[in-house]
Structure formats: structure tokens, C-alpha cells
Amino acid sequence: MEPGHWPSEHSDALRDYFRKGMSYAEIARQINAGFGTAYTRSAVIGRAKRLGLVVPEWITSPSVAPFLPGEPYLVSPRRAVLPNLNLPPKSAMKPAAQMTLRCVGVQPRLVELVALEKVDCRYPYGGDKDGEAIAFCGHPRQPGSSYCAPHARLTRRSGAASARAPVVLRLVSAS
């Protein structure tokens, strides 16, 4: 047998296994076991391409983005063509529940970095949008922490290693 030439029995087996929805690696194992050959997964993929059996790229890469609320849930084209594939359940494709953000009852002083004193809270505000200035809380900070008491509770989890070590911000350069 010359390289690249498959006997018709092997090609027929590849077609049958492909229609059953088997992966290329599984097809190679089955053909090798049945015919005593040593085809690799890549050889099976190459032969499948030459036979026109390769699943189009838009089918081999299912969307991992969740559907937005109000959009209809469509059956994946891959599932319709190859029903035996292990795809995530429909419940995994539902949008996640809306998160509520934690809020602290502190009215920040919004102090600029260059105006911060050593005893001021360094919890940042702003900077979310392009060109938006970043300011800091500026209330008196807790001893051993860079933050005031409400912001320290917001940024630390109880019992975590980070709760035991204070975070110190340093001014690297001022423009």
C-alpha cells in the first residue's frame, strides 16, 4: 500500500464511522483495530478531507458565548449534523443571573494621587472610561492597611492570606 492511498474498505469504514458521529481519533482506532493498520488521527483527517467528509469550520467551533435574553435558543448546527457529540447541556447556555455589586456606605473625598497624605485611604475611584481621572477615597485609613475600615472589609476576605498582610501603594512616577 502506497502512502496516501487507502483501500476502498478502509474508506468505506471511515465514511460509516464519520456518519455515526465518531471523532477522528476514534475512527483511527476502530480502523486500525479492524484492519490491522496504523493510521494516525491526522491521516484519517486528511483522508476525510479528500473524501469530502470534513465538517465545515463553522460547525466544528460551537459558540461559547451565551445567548442574550430575548434571543431564541437555537439548536447548534453541529448537534444537528453530529447528534452523538458531547456538548454542554442547554442549561449551561442560559445567561448568568445579574450580579449585584457590593457597595460601601462611604462618601469618598476623591483626592488626587499627588495630594494623598500618608494616613489617607487609597481605595481608587474612576478610571473606568478612557481619559477618566482616577481619584482616591481619602478618609483616614486603618492602622496596618492602605484602606479605611469600610474599604478594607470590601477588599479583603476573612481568613485569606491577603487579610494578614497590608497592601502598600507606591508612587512610581508623577507627571
Protein backbone atom coordinates (compact mmCIF):
# COMPACT_ATOMS: atom_id res chain seq x y z
CA MET A 1 0.00 0.00 0.00
CA GLU A 2 1.46 3.37 -1.05
CA PRO A 3 1.35 6.30 1.34
CA GLY A 4 -1.79 8.37 0.77
CA HIS A 5 -3.69 5.55 -0.92
CA TRP A 6 -6.35 3.83 1.13
CA PRO A 7 -8.09 0.64 0.11
CA SER A 8 -11.79 1.15 -0.57
CA GLU A 9 -12.75 -0.95 2.50
CA HIS A 10 -10.87 1.46 4.75
CA SER A 11 -12.50 4.49 3.10
CA ASP A 12 -15.95 2.87 3.44
CA ALA A 13 -15.30 2.23 7.14
CA LEU A 14 -14.21 5.86 7.58
CA ARG A 15 -17.47 7.05 5.96
CA ASP A 16 -19.55 4.78 8.22
CA TYR A 17 -17.79 5.85 11.42
CA PHE A 18 -17.99 9.50 10.37
CA ARG A 19 -21.76 9.24 9.85
CA LYS A 20 -22.04 7.75 13.35
CA GLY A 21 -20.51 10.97 14.71
CA MET A 22 -17.24 9.47 15.96
CA SER A 23 -14.19 11.66 16.44
CA TYR A 24 -11.26 11.31 14.07
CA ALA A 25 -9.15 9.71 16.80
CA GLU A 26 -11.88 7.14 17.49
CA ILE A 27 -12.21 6.44 13.77
CA ALA A 28 -8.46 5.83 13.51
CA ARG A 29 -8.59 3.43 16.48
CA GLN A 30 -11.53 1.49 15.01
CA ILE A 31 -9.99 1.21 11.54
CA ASN A 32 -6.62 0.19 13.00
CA ALA A 33 -8.27 -2.45 15.18
CA GLY A 34 -10.44 -3.79 12.35
CA PHE A 35 -7.87 -3.87 9.56
CA GLY A 36 -4.55 -4.14 11.45
CA THR A 37 -3.34 -0.78 10.12
CA ALA A 38 -1.52 2.07 11.84
CA TYR A 39 -3.38 5.16 10.65
CA THR A 40 -2.97 8.29 12.76
CA ARG A 41 -5.70 10.77 13.56
CA SER A 42 -4.08 13.18 11.09
CA ALA A 43 -4.13 10.54 8.35
CA VAL A 44 -7.85 9.99 8.97
CA ILE A 45 -8.50 13.75 8.83
CA GLY A 46 -6.56 14.02 5.57
CA ARG A 47 -8.45 11.11 4.03
CA ALA A 48 -11.76 12.54 5.25
CA LYS A 49 -10.91 15.85 3.54
CA ARG A 50 -10.15 14.06 0.27
CA LEU A 51 -13.46 12.20 0.56
CA GLY A 52 -15.32 15.44 1.29
CA LEU A 53 -16.34 14.34 4.80
CA VAL A 54 -14.78 17.13 6.82
CA VAL A 55 -17.27 19.10 8.86
CA PRO A 56 -17.20 22.80 7.87
CA GLU A 57 -15.28 25.08 10.26
CA TRP A 58 -18.43 26.89 11.39
CA ILE A 59 -19.73 23.58 12.72
CA THR A 60 -16.56 22.43 14.48
CA SER A 61 -16.37 25.55 16.63
CA PRO A 62 -19.63 25.92 18.55
CA SER A 63 -20.31 29.30 20.06
CA VAL A 64 -19.16 29.62 23.65
CA ALA A 65 -20.86 32.97 24.12
CA PRO A 66 -24.17 32.68 25.96
CA PHE A 67 -27.37 33.72 24.25
CA LEU A 68 -28.66 37.13 25.25
CA PRO A 69 -32.04 37.43 26.94
CA GLY A 70 -34.78 37.64 24.36
CA GLU A 71 -32.78 35.76 21.71
CA PRO A 72 -34.23 32.41 20.73
CA TYR A 73 -32.17 29.40 21.73
CA LEU A 74 -31.18 27.66 18.53
CA VAL A 75 -30.01 24.08 18.23
CA SER A 76 -26.35 24.05 17.29
CA PRO A 77 -25.74 23.08 13.64
CA ARG A 78 -23.07 20.72 14.94
CA ARG A 79 -25.62 18.90 17.11
CA ALA A 80 -27.98 18.62 14.15
CA VAL A 81 -25.27 17.12 11.91
CA LEU A 82 -23.49 15.02 14.53
CA PRO A 83 -26.01 14.22 17.30
CA ASN A 84 -23.66 11.99 19.36
CA LEU A 85 -21.21 14.74 20.32
CA ASN A 86 -20.76 15.70 23.94
CA LEU A 87 -21.98 19.27 24.03
CA PRO A 88 -22.85 21.23 27.15
CA PRO A 89 -26.45 20.92 28.32
CA LYS A 90 -28.96 23.60 27.33
CA SER A 91 -28.94 24.88 30.91
CA ALA A 92 -25.26 25.84 30.51
CA MET A 93 -26.13 28.09 27.60
CA LYS A 94 -28.60 30.22 29.59
CA PRO A 95 -27.41 33.70 30.52
CA ALA A 96 -25.98 34.09 34.01
CA ALA A 97 -28.02 35.80 36.69
CA GLN A 98 -27.45 39.52 37.03
CA MET A 99 -24.90 40.23 39.76
CA THR A 100 -25.47 42.87 42.38
CA LEU A 101 -22.37 44.86 43.23
CA ARG A 102 -21.26 45.31 46.79
CA CYS A 103 -21.48 48.87 47.98
CA VAL A 104 -19.91 50.59 50.94
CA GLY A 105 -21.63 53.44 52.77
CA VAL A 106 -18.71 55.85 52.38
CA GLN A 107 -18.83 59.19 50.65
CA PRO A 108 -15.29 59.45 49.16
CA ARG A 109 -13.35 62.68 49.30
CA LEU A 110 -11.97 61.96 45.77
CA VAL A 111 -8.41 63.05 46.45
CA GLU A 112 -5.86 63.02 43.58
CA LEU A 113 -2.84 60.76 43.92
CA VAL A 114 -0.36 63.62 44.34
CA ALA A 115 -2.49 65.15 47.13
CA LEU A 116 -2.82 61.92 49.17
CA GLU A 117 -1.34 62.06 52.65
CA LYS A 118 0.30 59.07 54.34
CA VAL A 119 -2.79 58.47 56.50
CA ASP A 120 -5.38 58.69 53.66
CA CYS A 121 -7.35 55.73 52.28
CA ARG A 122 -6.04 54.65 48.88
CA TYR A 123 -9.19 52.97 47.55
CA PRO A 124 -9.45 54.07 43.88
CA TYR A 125 -12.47 55.63 42.19
CA GLY A 126 -12.88 56.32 38.47
CA GLY A 127 -10.61 55.42 35.57
CA ASP A 128 -13.25 53.10 34.11
CA LYS A 129 -13.62 55.10 30.90
CA ASP A 130 -10.88 56.31 28.57
CA GLY A 131 -9.40 59.55 29.84
CA GLU A 132 -11.34 59.48 33.13
CA ALA A 133 -9.21 60.64 36.05
CA ILE A 134 -8.54 58.31 38.96
CA ALA A 135 -9.14 59.67 42.45
CA PHE A 136 -8.91 58.03 45.86
CA CYS A 137 -11.20 57.77 48.89
CA GLY A 138 -9.02 59.94 51.14
CA HIS A 139 -10.67 59.09 54.50
CA PRO A 140 -8.38 58.13 57.41
CA ARG A 141 -7.06 54.61 56.87
CA GLN A 142 -6.93 51.73 59.33
CA PRO A 143 -3.60 51.02 61.06
CA GLY A 144 -1.68 48.40 59.05
CA SER A 145 -3.87 48.85 55.96
CA SER A 146 -3.95 51.11 52.92
CA TYR A 147 -7.72 51.49 53.25
CA CYS A 148 -10.30 52.95 55.62
CA ALA A 149 -12.36 50.40 57.60
CA PRO A 150 -15.26 50.06 55.10
CA HIS A 151 -12.95 49.68 52.10
CA ALA A 152 -10.70 47.25 53.98
CA ARG A 153 -13.72 44.98 54.58
CA LEU A 154 -14.72 45.34 50.94
CA THR A 155 -11.32 44.36 49.57
CA ARG A 156 -10.37 41.57 51.97
CA ARG A 157 -11.86 38.15 52.56
CA SER A 158 -11.82 36.96 56.13
CA GLY A 159 -9.16 34.34 56.76
CA ALA A 160 -7.34 34.97 53.49
CA ALA A 161 -3.60 35.42 53.47
CA SER A 162 -4.06 38.87 51.96
CA ALA A 163 -6.04 39.92 55.07
CA ARG A 164 -2.93 39.50 57.20
CA ALA A 165 -0.54 41.50 55.02
CA PRO A 166 -1.16 45.19 54.36
CA VAL A 167 -1.14 46.44 50.77
CA VAL A 168 1.05 49.46 50.23
CA LEU A 169 0.74 51.58 47.11
CA ARG A 170 3.82 53.44 45.95
CA LEU A 171 4.02 56.39 43.61
CA VAL A 172 6.23 55.22 40.75
CA SER A 173 6.32 58.46 38.83
CA ALA A 174 4.34 61.67 38.77
CA SER A 175 3.78 63.62 35.61
